[in-house]
Amino acid sequence: MSHPAANPDLADFEPDGTWYSLVSADGLLYAVEPNHQEVDTVTPGGHISRVIDVSQTYPGNTNWQGPTGIVRDGENFYLVNLNPFAPGSDGHASLWKLTDDGQLGHIASGLTAAVGVAVHEGQIYALEAFTGFFAPAPFVAHTGMVVRLNRHGGWDPVVTGLSFPTAMTFGPDGHLYISNKGFGQPTSTAGEILRVDQGP
């Protein structure tokens, strides 16, 4: 609260932030916060530093690109973001590369409601909470999917039929694990963890 972003999303503003995901790298935790559009580090002793304020480049009230998922691969981080929940905004989320010194670069667009990103055997995967609409309405339950970036800059479906998933990761066994039925369920079913066995 004492270090606000330059241009946070005031339509859905929470002064403490709505922290979504984090990853451990180089002895630090890297945490992402979509509404304020920031990436911060946290030391084991609790010291917090900002890596980048995305809202300086993409103002929250006009061009919100709030990061939700983060993964480390080699020397770089990869981020994905939600798109605004507004008519016509489906397909407007993206994949980004973030360097250690806070330089953000756009890699690929065409995602919807991206909430997770993972790298496995040199390939980049994104998790879409839902597709085909701009908001998590009941009728788009079971439209969530995992997609993989192809050599042409597009996205190929890998896992479909997910119901508002919230995160994913590759385990040390090489399988993909997905938290499914994470929010906004149209039924009272419980959340679940899915394992996807990766073929060649």
C-alpha atoms as a PDB file:
ATOM      1  CA  MET A   1       0.000   0.000   0.000  1.00  0.00           C
ATOM      2  CA  SER A   2       2.914   2.364   0.692  1.00  0.00           C
ATOM      3  CA  HIS A   3       4.437   1.738  -2.766  1.00  0.00           C
ATOM      4  CA  PRO A   4       1.551   1.911  -5.258  1.00  0.00           C
ATOM      5  CA  ALA A   5       1.957   1.205  -8.942  1.00  0.00           C
ATOM      6  CA  ALA A   6       1.875   4.190 -11.277  1.00  0.00           C
ATOM      7  CA  ASN A   7      -1.416   3.348 -13.010  1.00  0.00           C
ATOM      8  CA  PRO A   8      -3.268   0.491 -11.279  1.00  0.00           C
ATOM      9  CA  ASP A   9      -6.578  -0.915 -12.494  1.00  0.00           C
ATOM     10  CA  LEU A  10      -8.963   1.250 -10.477  1.00  0.00           C
ATOM     11  CA  ALA A  11     -12.034  -0.658 -11.668  1.00  0.00           C
ATOM     12  CA  ASP A  12     -10.990  -3.674  -9.579  1.00  0.00           C
ATOM     13  CA  PHE A  13      -8.577  -2.062  -7.142  1.00  0.00           C
ATOM     14  CA  GLU A  14      -7.474  -3.670  -3.892  1.00  0.00           C
ATOM     15  CA  PRO A  15      -4.863  -1.610  -2.007  1.00  0.00           C
ATOM     16  CA  ASP A  16      -3.088  -4.730  -0.694  1.00  0.00           C
ATOM     17  CA  GLY A  17      -3.048  -6.289  -4.136  1.00  0.00           C
ATOM     18  CA  THR A  18      -4.477  -9.539  -5.475  1.00  0.00           C
ATOM     19  CA  TRP A  19      -1.299 -11.604  -5.613  1.00  0.00           C
ATOM     20  CA  TYR A  20      -1.710 -14.474  -8.028  1.00  0.00           C
ATOM     21  CA  SER A  21       1.427 -16.589  -8.444  1.00  0.00           C
ATOM     22  CA  LEU A  22       5.108 -16.771  -7.644  1.00  0.00           C
ATOM     23  CA  VAL A  23       8.254 -18.667  -8.558  1.00  0.00           C
ATOM     24  CA  SER A  24      11.537 -19.249  -6.752  1.00  0.00           C
ATOM     25  CA  ALA A  25      14.757 -18.233  -8.513  1.00  0.00           C
ATOM     26  CA  ASP A  26      18.260 -17.308  -7.349  1.00  0.00           C
ATOM     27  CA  GLY A  27      17.283 -17.410  -3.679  1.00  0.00           C
ATOM     28  CA  LEU A  28      14.357 -15.029  -4.163  1.00  0.00           C
ATOM     29  CA  LEU A  29      10.617 -15.334  -4.619  1.00  0.00           C
ATOM     30  CA  TYR A  30       9.267 -13.534  -7.685  1.00  0.00           C
ATOM     31  CA  ALA A  31       5.606 -12.625  -7.197  1.00  0.00           C
ATOM     32  CA  VAL A  32       3.119 -11.212  -9.719  1.00  0.00           C
ATOM     33  CA  GLU A  33       0.121  -9.001  -9.014  1.00  0.00           C
ATOM     34  CA  PRO A  34      -2.265  -8.408 -11.935  1.00  0.00           C
ATOM     35  CA  ASN A  35      -4.449  -5.516 -10.780  1.00  0.00           C
ATOM     36  CA  HIS A  36      -1.489  -3.310  -9.881  1.00  0.00           C
ATOM     37  CA  GLN A  37       0.460  -4.831 -12.812  1.00  0.00           C
ATOM     38  CA  GLU A  38       3.657  -5.438 -10.905  1.00  0.00           C
ATOM     39  CA  VAL A  39       6.368  -8.054 -10.436  1.00  0.00           C
ATOM     40  CA  ASP A  40       8.218  -7.989  -7.120  1.00  0.00           C
ATOM     41  CA  THR A  41      10.938  -9.981  -5.378  1.00  0.00           C
ATOM     42  CA  VAL A  42      10.863 -11.134  -1.773  1.00  0.00           C
ATOM     43  CA  THR A  43      14.019 -12.169   0.088  1.00  0.00           C
ATOM     44  CA  PRO A  44      14.060 -14.926   2.746  1.00  0.00           C
ATOM     45  CA  GLY A  45      14.224 -12.099   5.290  1.00  0.00           C
ATOM     46  CA  GLY A  46      11.066 -10.474   3.946  1.00  0.00           C
ATOM     47  CA  HIS A  47      12.571  -7.534   2.047  1.00  0.00           C
ATOM     48  CA  ILE A  48      10.423  -6.605  -0.957  1.00  0.00           C
ATOM     49  CA  SER A  49      11.679  -4.940  -4.148  1.00  0.00           C
ATOM     50  CA  ARG A  50       9.857  -4.142  -7.367  1.00  0.00           C
ATOM     51  CA  VAL A  51      11.259  -5.671 -10.540  1.00  0.00           C
ATOM     52  CA  ILE A  52       8.867  -3.906 -12.909  1.00  0.00           C
ATOM     53  CA  ASP A  53       5.761  -1.741 -12.813  1.00  0.00           C
ATOM     54  CA  VAL A  54       3.969  -2.838 -15.986  1.00  0.00           C
ATOM     55  CA  SER A  55       1.365  -0.109 -15.486  1.00  0.00           C
ATOM     56  CA  GLN A  56       3.927   2.531 -16.446  1.00  0.00           C
ATOM     57  CA  THR A  57       3.827   1.205 -20.012  1.00  0.00           C
ATOM     58  CA  TYR A  58       0.282  -0.201 -20.007  1.00  0.00           C
ATOM     59  CA  PRO A  59      -1.929   2.070 -17.846  1.00  0.00           C
ATOM     60  CA  GLY A  60      -4.485   0.102 -15.862  1.00  0.00           C
ATOM     61  CA  ASN A  61      -7.495   2.182 -16.827  1.00  0.00           C
ATOM     62  CA  THR A  62      -6.816   2.188 -20.581  1.00  0.00           C
ATOM     63  CA  ASN A  63      -4.535  -0.705 -21.563  1.00  0.00           C
ATOM     64  CA  TRP A  64      -4.415  -3.152 -18.670  1.00  0.00           C
ATOM     65  CA  GLN A  65      -1.999  -6.086 -19.091  1.00  0.00           C
ATOM     66  CA  GLY A  66      -2.000  -7.533 -15.570  1.00  0.00           C
ATOM     67  CA  PRO A  67       0.480 -10.422 -15.229  1.00  0.00           C
ATOM     68  CA  THR A  68      -0.945 -13.579 -13.655  1.00  0.00           C
ATOM     69  CA  GLY A  69       1.471 -16.436 -14.357  1.00  0.00           C
ATOM     70  CA  ILE A  70       5.265 -16.519 -14.121  1.00  0.00           C
ATOM     71  CA  VAL A  71       7.950 -19.136 -14.772  1.00  0.00           C
ATOM     72  CA  ARG A  72      11.745 -19.046 -14.893  1.00  0.00           C
ATOM     73  CA  ASP A  73      13.593 -20.624 -17.813  1.00  0.00           C
ATOM     74  CA  GLY A  74      17.321 -20.109 -18.082  1.00  0.00           C
ATOM     75  CA  GLU A  75      18.154 -16.441 -17.646  1.00  0.00           C
ATOM     76  CA  ASN A  76      14.656 -15.159 -18.361  1.00  0.00           C
ATOM     77  CA  PHE A  77      11.193 -15.180 -16.901  1.00  0.00           C
ATOM     78  CA  TYR A  78       8.044 -15.725 -18.930  1.00  0.00           C
ATOM     79  CA  LEU A  79       4.774 -14.058 -17.987  1.00  0.00           C
ATOM     80  CA  VAL A  80       1.184 -14.393 -19.160  1.00  0.00           C
ATOM     81  CA  ASN A  81      -1.639 -11.990 -18.444  1.00  0.00           C
ATOM     82  CA  LEU A  82      -5.379 -11.734 -18.190  1.00  0.00           C
ATOM     83  CA  ASN A  83      -7.244  -9.717 -20.785  1.00  0.00           C
ATOM     84  CA  PRO A  84      -9.791  -7.102 -19.665  1.00  0.00           C
ATOM     85  CA  PHE A  85     -13.216  -8.559 -18.917  1.00  0.00           C
ATOM     86  CA  ALA A  86     -14.868  -6.390 -21.562  1.00  0.00           C
ATOM     87  CA  PRO A  87     -16.726  -7.218 -24.779  1.00  0.00           C
ATOM     88  CA  GLY A  88     -14.389  -7.975 -27.657  1.00  0.00           C
ATOM     89  CA  SER A  89     -11.352  -8.590 -25.453  1.00  0.00           C
ATOM     90  CA  ASP A  90     -11.192 -12.380 -25.764  1.00  0.00           C
ATOM     91  CA  GLY A  91      -7.995 -13.434 -27.498  1.00  0.00           C
ATOM     92  CA  HIS A  92      -6.152 -10.321 -26.307  1.00  0.00           C
ATOM     93  CA  ALA A  93      -3.969 -11.844 -23.586  1.00  0.00           C
ATOM     94  CA  SER A  94      -0.273 -12.438 -24.316  1.00  0.00           C
ATOM     95  CA  LEU A  95       3.007 -14.142 -23.503  1.00  0.00           C
ATOM     96  CA  TRP A  96       5.866 -11.905 -22.378  1.00  0.00           C
ATOM     97  CA  LYS A  97       9.574 -12.277 -21.590  1.00  0.00           C
ATOM     98  CA  LEU A  98      11.014 -10.497 -18.551  1.00  0.00           C
ATOM     99  CA  THR A  99      14.752 -10.158 -17.963  1.00  0.00           C
ATOM    100  CA  ASP A 100      16.419  -9.941 -14.551  1.00  0.00           C
ATOM    101  CA  ASP A 101      16.926  -6.207 -14.987  1.00  0.00           C
ATOM    102  CA  GLY A 102      13.210  -5.568 -15.549  1.00  0.00           C
ATOM    103  CA  GLN A 103      13.018  -5.360 -19.348  1.00  0.00           C
ATOM    104  CA  LEU A 104       9.668  -6.602 -20.662  1.00  0.00           C
ATOM    105  CA  GLY A 105       9.237  -7.871 -24.204  1.00  0.00           C
ATOM    106  CA  HIS A 106       6.144  -9.128 -26.023  1.00  0.00           C
ATOM    107  CA  ILE A 107       6.456 -12.626 -27.531  1.00  0.00           C
ATOM    108  CA  ALA A 108       3.027 -13.784 -28.689  1.00  0.00           C
ATOM    109  CA  SER A 109      -0.625 -12.782 -28.438  1.00  0.00           C
ATOM    110  CA  GLY A 110      -3.849 -14.696 -29.072  1.00  0.00           C
ATOM    111  CA  LEU A 111      -4.499 -15.991 -25.553  1.00  0.00           C
ATOM    112  CA  THR A 112      -7.666 -15.557 -23.495  1.00  0.00           C
ATOM    113  CA  ALA A 113      -7.709 -15.293 -19.688  1.00  0.00           C
ATOM    114  CA  ALA A 114      -4.199 -16.716 -19.354  1.00  0.00           C
ATOM    115  CA  VAL A 115      -3.453 -17.600 -15.728  1.00  0.00           C
ATOM    116  CA  GLY A 116      -0.484 -19.958 -15.959  1.00  0.00           C
ATOM    117  CA  VAL A 117       2.700 -20.527 -17.936  1.00  0.00           C
ATOM    118  CA  ALA A 118       5.207 -23.381 -17.962  1.00  0.00           C
ATOM    119  CA  VAL A 119       8.259 -24.423 -19.941  1.00  0.00           C
ATOM    120  CA  HIS A 120       9.010 -28.082 -20.635  1.00  0.00           C
ATOM    121  CA  GLU A 121      11.729 -29.452 -22.895  1.00  0.00           C
ATOM    122  CA  GLY A 122      12.162 -26.069 -24.533  1.00  0.00           C
ATOM    123  CA  GLN A 123       8.475 -25.568 -25.305  1.00  0.00           C
ATOM    124  CA  ILE A 124       6.238 -22.902 -23.755  1.00  0.00           C
ATOM    125  CA  TYR A 125       2.764 -23.772 -22.484  1.00  0.00           C
ATOM    126  CA  ALA A 126      -0.003 -21.415 -21.362  1.00  0.00           C
ATOM    127  CA  LEU A 127      -3.093 -22.112 -19.285  1.00  0.00           C
ATOM    128  CA  GLU A 128      -6.330 -20.379 -20.303  1.00  0.00           C
ATOM    129  CA  ALA A 129      -9.011 -20.247 -17.598  1.00  0.00           C
ATOM    130  CA  PHE A 130     -11.750 -20.051 -20.236  1.00  0.00           C
ATOM    131  CA  THR A 131     -12.030 -19.306 -23.945  1.00  0.00           C
ATOM    132  CA  GLY A 132     -14.579 -18.010 -26.423  1.00  0.00           C
ATOM    133  CA  PHE A 133     -15.870 -15.165 -24.258  1.00  0.00           C
ATOM    134  CA  PHE A 134     -14.482 -12.126 -22.454  1.00  0.00           C
ATOM    135  CA  ALA A 135     -15.525 -13.119 -18.917  1.00  0.00           C
ATOM    136  CA  PRO A 136     -15.887 -16.281 -16.784  1.00  0.00           C
ATOM    137  CA  ALA A 137     -19.610 -16.792 -17.417  1.00  0.00           C
ATOM    138  CA  PRO A 138     -21.256 -20.144 -16.547  1.00  0.00           C
ATOM    139  CA  PHE A 139     -21.749 -21.044 -20.187  1.00  0.00           C
ATOM    140  CA  VAL A 140     -17.982 -21.050 -20.823  1.00  0.00           C
ATOM    141  CA  ALA A 141     -17.246 -23.544 -18.070  1.00  0.00           C
ATOM    142  CA  HIS A 142     -15.342 -26.468 -19.592  1.00  0.00           C
ATOM    143  CA  THR A 143     -13.728 -24.217 -22.238  1.00  0.00           C
ATOM    144  CA  GLY A 144     -10.445 -23.823 -20.366  1.00  0.00           C
ATOM    145  CA  MET A 145      -7.383 -25.317 -21.990  1.00  0.00           C
ATOM    146  CA  VAL A 146      -3.630 -25.747 -22.046  1.00  0.00           C
ATOM    147  CA  VAL A 147      -2.031 -24.530 -25.262  1.00  0.00           C
ATOM    148  CA  ARG A 148       1.525 -24.784 -26.582  1.00  0.00           C
ATOM    149  CA  LEU A 149       3.350 -22.089 -28.534  1.00  0.00           C
ATOM    150  CA  ASN A 150       4.215 -23.276 -32.033  1.00  0.00           C
ATOM    151  CA  ARG A 151       7.017 -22.178 -34.355  1.00  0.00           C
ATOM    152  CA  HIS A 152       4.694 -19.811 -36.207  1.00  0.00           C
ATOM    153  CA  GLY A 153       3.790 -17.833 -33.081  1.00  0.00           C
ATOM    154  CA  GLY A 154       0.347 -19.406 -32.705  1.00  0.00           C
ATOM    155  CA  TRP A 155      -1.058 -21.680 -30.040  1.00  0.00           C
ATOM    156  CA  ASP A 156      -1.851 -25.399 -30.389  1.00  0.00           C
ATOM    157  CA  PRO A 157      -4.348 -27.011 -27.956  1.00  0.00           C
ATOM    158  CA  VAL A 158      -2.787 -29.664 -25.729  1.00  0.00           C
ATOM    159  CA  VAL A 159      -5.494 -30.204 -23.083  1.00  0.00           C
ATOM    160  CA  THR A 160      -9.099 -29.079 -23.573  1.00  0.00           C
ATOM    161  CA  GLY A 161     -12.336 -29.273 -21.599  1.00  0.00           C
ATOM    162  CA  LEU A 162     -10.955 -27.735 -18.402  1.00  0.00           C
ATOM    163  CA  SER A 163     -13.362 -25.914 -16.105  1.00  0.00           C
ATOM    164  CA  PHE A 164     -11.935 -22.597 -14.882  1.00  0.00           C
ATOM    165  CA  PRO A 165      -8.446 -23.922 -14.084  1.00  0.00           C
ATOM    166  CA  THR A 166      -6.171 -21.680 -12.065  1.00  0.00           C
ATOM    167  CA  ALA A 167      -2.570 -22.973 -12.290  1.00  0.00           C
ATOM    168  CA  MET A 168      -0.305 -25.612 -13.799  1.00  0.00           C
ATOM    169  CA  THR A 169       3.227 -26.952 -13.450  1.00  0.00           C
ATOM    170  CA  PHE A 170       5.387 -29.740 -14.776  1.00  0.00           C
ATOM    171  CA  GLY A 171       6.460 -32.123 -12.043  1.00  0.00           C
ATOM    172  CA  PRO A 172       9.878 -33.770 -11.704  1.00  0.00           C
ATOM    173  CA  ASP A 173       8.279 -36.869 -13.251  1.00  0.00           C
ATOM    174  CA  GLY A 174       7.711 -34.936 -16.509  1.00  0.00           C
ATOM    175  CA  HIS A 175       3.922 -34.969 -16.159  1.00  0.00           C
ATOM    176  CA  LEU A 176       1.811 -31.831 -16.309  1.00  0.00           C
ATOM    177  CA  TYR A 177      -0.281 -31.049 -13.218  1.00  0.00           C
ATOM    178  CA  ILE A 178      -3.282 -28.699 -13.435  1.00  0.00           C
ATOM    179  CA  SER A 179      -5.498 -27.270 -10.710  1.00  0.00           C
ATOM    180  CA  ASN A 180      -8.990 -27.505 -12.216  1.00  0.00           C
ATOM    181  CA  LYS A 181     -12.380 -26.153 -11.114  1.00  0.00           C
ATOM    182  CA  GLY A 182     -10.648 -23.355  -9.315  1.00  0.00           C
ATOM    183  CA  PHE A 183     -13.192 -20.523  -9.303  1.00  0.00           C
ATOM    184  CA  GLY A 184     -16.635 -19.490 -10.481  1.00  0.00           C
ATOM    185  CA  GLN A 185     -17.960 -23.008 -10.799  1.00  0.00           C
ATOM    186  CA  PRO A 186     -21.538 -23.214 -12.117  1.00  0.00           C
ATOM    187  CA  THR A 187     -21.960 -26.337 -10.008  1.00  0.00           C
ATOM    188  CA  SER A 188     -21.018 -27.165  -6.436  1.00  0.00           C
ATOM    189  CA  THR A 189     -18.312 -29.640  -7.458  1.00  0.00           C
ATOM    190  CA  ALA A 190     -15.017 -29.567  -5.586  1.00  0.00           C
ATOM    191  CA  GLY A 191     -11.734 -28.482  -7.081  1.00  0.00           C
ATOM    192  CA  GLU A 192      -9.309 -31.111  -8.331  1.00  0.00           C
ATOM    193  CA  ILE A 193      -5.745 -31.716  -9.441  1.00  0.00           C
ATOM    194  CA  LEU A 194      -5.335 -33.343 -12.855  1.00  0.00           C
ATOM    195  CA  ARG A 195      -2.253 -35.156 -14.113  1.00  0.00           C
ATOM    196  CA  VAL A 196      -1.578 -35.164 -17.826  1.00  0.00           C
ATOM    197  CA  ASP A 197       0.804 -37.822 -19.082  1.00  0.00           C
ATOM    198  CA  GLN A 198       3.013 -36.263 -21.754  1.00  0.00           C
ATOM    199  CA  GLY A 199       3.657 -38.334 -24.854  1.00  0.00           C
ATOM    200  CA  PRO A 200       6.471 -37.821 -27.374  1.00  0.00           C
END
